[in-house]
N, C-alpha and C. Protein backbone atom coordinates (compact mmCIF):
# COMPACT_ATOMS: atom_id res chain seq x y z
N MET A 1 0.85 -1.18 -0.01
CA MET A 1 0.00 -0.01 0.00
C MET A 1 0.88 1.24 -0.01
N LYS A 2 0.35 2.29 -0.53
CA LYS A 2 1.05 3.54 -0.51
C LYS A 2 1.00 4.13 0.90
N ARG A 3 1.96 4.99 1.16
CA ARG A 3 2.04 5.59 2.50
C ARG A 3 0.77 6.35 2.87
N ARG A 4 0.17 7.05 1.89
CA ARG A 4 -1.03 7.80 2.16
C ARG A 4 -2.20 6.89 2.54
N ASN A 5 -2.32 5.78 1.82
CA ASN A 5 -3.38 4.83 2.13
C ASN A 5 -3.20 4.16 3.49
N VAL A 6 -1.94 3.87 3.82
CA VAL A 6 -1.66 3.25 5.11
C VAL A 6 -1.99 4.22 6.24
N THR A 7 -1.63 5.48 6.07
CA THR A 7 -1.94 6.50 7.10
C THR A 7 -3.44 6.66 7.22
N LEU A 8 -4.15 6.67 6.12
CA LEU A 8 -5.60 6.82 6.15
C LEU A 8 -6.24 5.62 6.85
N ALA A 9 -5.79 4.41 6.54
CA ALA A 9 -6.31 3.20 7.20
C ALA A 9 -6.04 3.23 8.69
N GLY A 10 -4.86 3.67 9.09
CA GLY A 10 -4.54 3.75 10.52
C GLY A 10 -5.39 4.78 11.23
N ASN A 11 -5.62 5.93 10.58
CA ASN A 11 -6.46 6.96 11.19
C ASN A 11 -7.91 6.50 11.31
N VAL A 12 -8.40 5.75 10.31
CA VAL A 12 -9.77 5.23 10.37
C VAL A 12 -9.89 4.26 11.52
N LEU A 13 -8.92 3.36 11.66
CA LEU A 13 -8.96 2.42 12.78
C LEU A 13 -8.88 3.12 14.13
N MET A 14 -8.07 4.17 14.22
CA MET A 14 -7.98 4.91 15.47
C MET A 14 -9.29 5.63 15.79
N CYS A 15 -9.97 6.18 14.79
CA CYS A 15 -11.27 6.84 15.02
C CYS A 15 -12.31 5.81 15.38
N LEU A 16 -12.30 4.67 14.72
CA LEU A 16 -13.25 3.62 15.04
C LEU A 16 -13.06 3.12 16.48
N GLY A 17 -11.81 2.96 16.86
CA GLY A 17 -11.52 2.54 18.24
C GLY A 17 -11.97 3.57 19.26
N LEU A 18 -11.76 4.86 18.94
CA LEU A 18 -12.19 5.92 19.87
C LEU A 18 -13.71 5.92 20.01
N LEU A 19 -14.40 5.78 18.89
CA LEU A 19 -15.87 5.77 18.94
C LEU A 19 -16.39 4.55 19.72
N THR A 20 -15.74 3.43 19.55
CA THR A 20 -16.13 2.21 20.26
C THR A 20 -15.93 2.36 21.76
N MET A 21 -14.79 2.95 22.15
CA MET A 21 -14.54 3.16 23.57
C MET A 21 -15.52 4.15 24.18
N VAL A 22 -15.80 5.25 23.49
CA VAL A 22 -16.69 6.26 24.02
C VAL A 22 -18.11 5.71 24.12
N SER A 23 -18.55 4.94 23.12
CA SER A 23 -19.89 4.37 23.20
C SER A 23 -20.00 3.33 24.32
N GLY A 24 -18.96 2.55 24.53
CA GLY A 24 -18.98 1.59 25.64
C GLY A 24 -19.02 2.26 26.99
N ILE A 25 -18.25 3.33 27.14
CA ILE A 25 -18.25 4.05 28.42
C ILE A 25 -19.58 4.75 28.64
N SER A 26 -20.14 5.36 27.59
CA SER A 26 -21.44 6.04 27.75
C SER A 26 -22.55 5.05 28.07
N TYR A 27 -22.55 3.87 27.45
CA TYR A 27 -23.58 2.89 27.77
C TYR A 27 -23.43 2.37 29.19
N SER A 28 -22.19 2.20 29.63
CA SER A 28 -21.95 1.72 31.00
C SER A 28 -22.45 2.72 32.01
N VAL A 29 -22.25 3.99 31.72
CA VAL A 29 -22.72 5.03 32.65
C VAL A 29 -24.23 5.14 32.62
N LEU A 30 -24.80 5.13 31.41
CA LEU A 30 -26.27 5.23 31.31
C LEU A 30 -26.97 4.01 31.88
N ASN A 31 -26.30 2.87 31.88
CA ASN A 31 -26.90 1.65 32.43
C ASN A 31 -27.09 1.75 33.94
N GLN A 32 -26.36 2.65 34.59
CA GLN A 32 -26.49 2.81 36.02
C GLN A 32 -27.73 3.60 36.44
N LEU A 33 -28.34 4.27 35.49
CA LEU A 33 -29.56 5.05 35.80
C LEU A 33 -30.78 4.10 35.74
N PRO A 34 -31.49 3.98 36.86
CA PRO A 34 -32.59 3.01 36.91
C PRO A 34 -33.80 3.43 36.08
N GLU A 35 -34.00 4.73 35.85
CA GLU A 35 -35.19 5.14 35.11
C GLU A 35 -35.11 4.83 33.61
N LEU A 36 -33.94 4.55 33.09
CA LEU A 36 -33.81 4.21 31.67
C LEU A 36 -34.16 2.73 31.38
N GLN A 37 -34.05 1.88 32.38
CA GLN A 37 -34.37 0.46 32.30
C GLN A 37 -33.68 -0.23 31.11
N LEU A 38 -32.38 -0.02 31.01
CA LEU A 38 -31.59 -0.70 30.00
C LEU A 38 -31.31 -2.14 30.43
N PRO A 39 -31.19 -3.06 29.48
CA PRO A 39 -30.93 -4.46 29.87
C PRO A 39 -29.57 -4.62 30.52
N GLN A 40 -29.54 -5.40 31.58
CA GLN A 40 -28.31 -5.57 32.37
C GLN A 40 -27.26 -6.38 31.62
N TYR A 41 -27.67 -7.35 30.81
CA TYR A 41 -26.71 -8.19 30.11
C TYR A 41 -25.91 -7.41 29.07
N MET A 42 -26.42 -6.28 28.62
CA MET A 42 -25.67 -5.47 27.66
C MET A 42 -24.53 -4.71 28.32
N ALA A 43 -24.56 -4.59 29.64
CA ALA A 43 -23.50 -3.87 30.36
C ALA A 43 -22.18 -4.60 30.22
N HIS A 44 -22.19 -5.91 30.24
CA HIS A 44 -20.95 -6.66 30.07
C HIS A 44 -20.39 -6.46 28.67
N GLY A 45 -21.25 -6.42 27.69
CA GLY A 45 -20.82 -6.14 26.32
C GLY A 45 -20.24 -4.74 26.18
N ALA A 46 -20.80 -3.78 26.91
CA ALA A 46 -20.29 -2.41 26.86
C ALA A 46 -18.91 -2.31 27.45
N ILE A 47 -18.67 -3.02 28.52
CA ILE A 47 -17.34 -3.03 29.14
C ILE A 47 -16.34 -3.75 28.21
N PHE A 48 -16.82 -4.80 27.57
CA PHE A 48 -15.93 -5.50 26.61
C PHE A 48 -15.62 -4.63 25.41
N SER A 49 -16.57 -3.77 25.03
CA SER A 49 -16.32 -2.91 23.85
C SER A 49 -15.25 -1.84 24.15
N ILE A 50 -15.06 -1.50 25.42
CA ILE A 50 -13.99 -0.58 25.77
C ILE A 50 -12.62 -1.21 25.45
N PHE A 51 -12.48 -2.47 25.75
CA PHE A 51 -11.23 -3.16 25.45
C PHE A 51 -11.04 -3.38 23.95
N ILE A 52 -12.12 -3.69 23.26
CA ILE A 52 -12.05 -3.83 21.79
C ILE A 52 -11.66 -2.53 21.13
N GLY A 53 -12.22 -1.42 21.66
CA GLY A 53 -11.89 -0.11 21.12
C GLY A 53 -10.42 0.22 21.36
N ALA A 54 -9.90 -0.17 22.51
CA ALA A 54 -8.48 0.09 22.78
C ALA A 54 -7.58 -0.75 21.84
N LEU A 55 -7.99 -1.97 21.54
CA LEU A 55 -7.22 -2.77 20.60
C LEU A 55 -7.28 -2.20 19.17
N LEU A 56 -8.45 -1.67 18.77
CA LEU A 56 -8.53 -1.02 17.48
C LEU A 56 -7.67 0.21 17.43
N TRP A 57 -7.65 0.97 18.52
CA TRP A 57 -6.82 2.18 18.60
C TRP A 57 -5.35 1.81 18.43
N LEU A 58 -4.92 0.78 19.16
CA LEU A 58 -3.51 0.38 19.08
C LEU A 58 -3.15 -0.17 17.70
N ALA A 59 -4.09 -0.91 17.08
CA ALA A 59 -3.82 -1.42 15.74
C ALA A 59 -3.71 -0.27 14.74
N GLY A 60 -4.55 0.73 14.89
CA GLY A 60 -4.45 1.89 14.00
C GLY A 60 -3.17 2.67 14.20
N ALA A 61 -2.73 2.78 15.45
CA ALA A 61 -1.47 3.47 15.70
C ALA A 61 -0.29 2.67 15.14
N ARG A 62 -0.39 1.38 15.21
CA ARG A 62 0.68 0.53 14.67
C ARG A 62 0.75 0.63 13.15
N ILE A 63 -0.40 0.63 12.50
CA ILE A 63 -0.43 0.67 11.06
C ILE A 63 0.04 2.01 10.54
N SER A 64 -0.43 3.09 11.15
CA SER A 64 -0.06 4.41 10.65
C SER A 64 1.33 4.85 11.06
N GLY A 65 1.97 4.14 11.97
CA GLY A 65 3.35 4.44 12.35
C GLY A 65 3.48 5.53 13.39
N ARG A 66 2.46 5.77 14.14
CA ARG A 66 2.51 6.86 15.14
C ARG A 66 3.29 6.46 16.38
N GLU A 67 3.49 5.17 16.60
CA GLU A 67 4.18 4.75 17.81
C GLU A 67 5.69 4.88 17.70
N LYS A 68 6.22 5.03 16.49
CA LYS A 68 7.66 5.07 16.34
C LYS A 68 8.27 6.32 16.96
N VAL A 69 7.52 7.40 17.03
CA VAL A 69 8.04 8.63 17.65
C VAL A 69 8.30 8.40 19.13
N ALA A 70 7.38 7.77 19.81
CA ALA A 70 7.54 7.50 21.24
C ALA A 70 8.69 6.54 21.46
N ASP A 71 8.86 5.52 20.62
CA ASP A 71 9.94 4.58 20.77
C ASP A 71 11.29 5.29 20.59
N ARG A 72 11.33 6.21 19.66
CA ARG A 72 12.61 6.89 19.43
C ARG A 72 12.97 7.76 20.61
N TYR A 73 12.02 8.49 21.18
CA TYR A 73 12.32 9.31 22.32
C TYR A 73 12.66 8.47 23.54
N TYR A 74 12.00 7.31 23.70
CA TYR A 74 12.35 6.41 24.79
C TYR A 74 13.81 5.96 24.65
N TRP A 75 14.18 5.61 23.42
CA TRP A 75 15.54 5.13 23.19
C TRP A 75 16.55 6.23 23.45
N LEU A 76 16.27 7.46 23.01
CA LEU A 76 17.18 8.58 23.27
C LEU A 76 17.31 8.86 24.76
N ARG A 77 16.20 8.84 25.46
CA ARG A 77 16.24 9.21 26.88
C ARG A 77 17.02 8.18 27.69
N HIS A 78 16.87 6.90 27.37
CA HIS A 78 17.52 5.89 28.21
C HIS A 78 18.89 5.44 27.72
N PHE A 79 19.11 5.47 26.42
CA PHE A 79 20.36 4.93 25.91
C PHE A 79 21.10 5.86 24.97
N GLY A 80 20.56 6.98 24.68
CA GLY A 80 21.15 7.87 23.68
C GLY A 80 22.17 8.82 24.26
N ASP A 81 22.00 10.06 23.93
CA ASP A 81 22.92 11.11 24.31
C ASP A 81 22.97 11.25 25.84
N LYS A 82 24.14 11.56 26.38
CA LYS A 82 24.29 11.68 27.83
C LYS A 82 23.52 12.84 28.40
N ARG A 83 23.25 13.86 27.59
CA ARG A 83 22.46 15.00 28.05
C ARG A 83 21.00 14.62 28.29
N CYS A 84 20.51 13.58 27.58
CA CYS A 84 19.12 13.19 27.69
C CYS A 84 18.87 12.19 28.81
N ARG A 85 19.92 11.61 29.34
CA ARG A 85 19.74 10.57 30.37
C ARG A 85 19.39 11.19 31.71
N ARG A 86 18.60 10.44 32.44
CA ARG A 86 18.28 10.86 33.83
C ARG A 86 19.31 10.25 34.77
N SER A 87 19.79 11.04 35.68
CA SER A 87 20.85 10.55 36.59
C SER A 87 20.24 10.09 37.90
């Protein structure tokens, strides 16, 4: 795939993961209100969707290459230049 398509696919996965996490959290919070009378068995699915959303987010970050920046800074801070190391 071209770099532009890979970045677009990663961003779409990250957005999908964010929407999944937000919807799972909102359903879990709304399920606690007794006047809405939402089914209790769906609460477990909502909590599971938070984890699925996090996995989608991480997959999108991996595909689009956004994690490499953090890895590089981690490497510089711990093993790179002496000015960047913590004493």
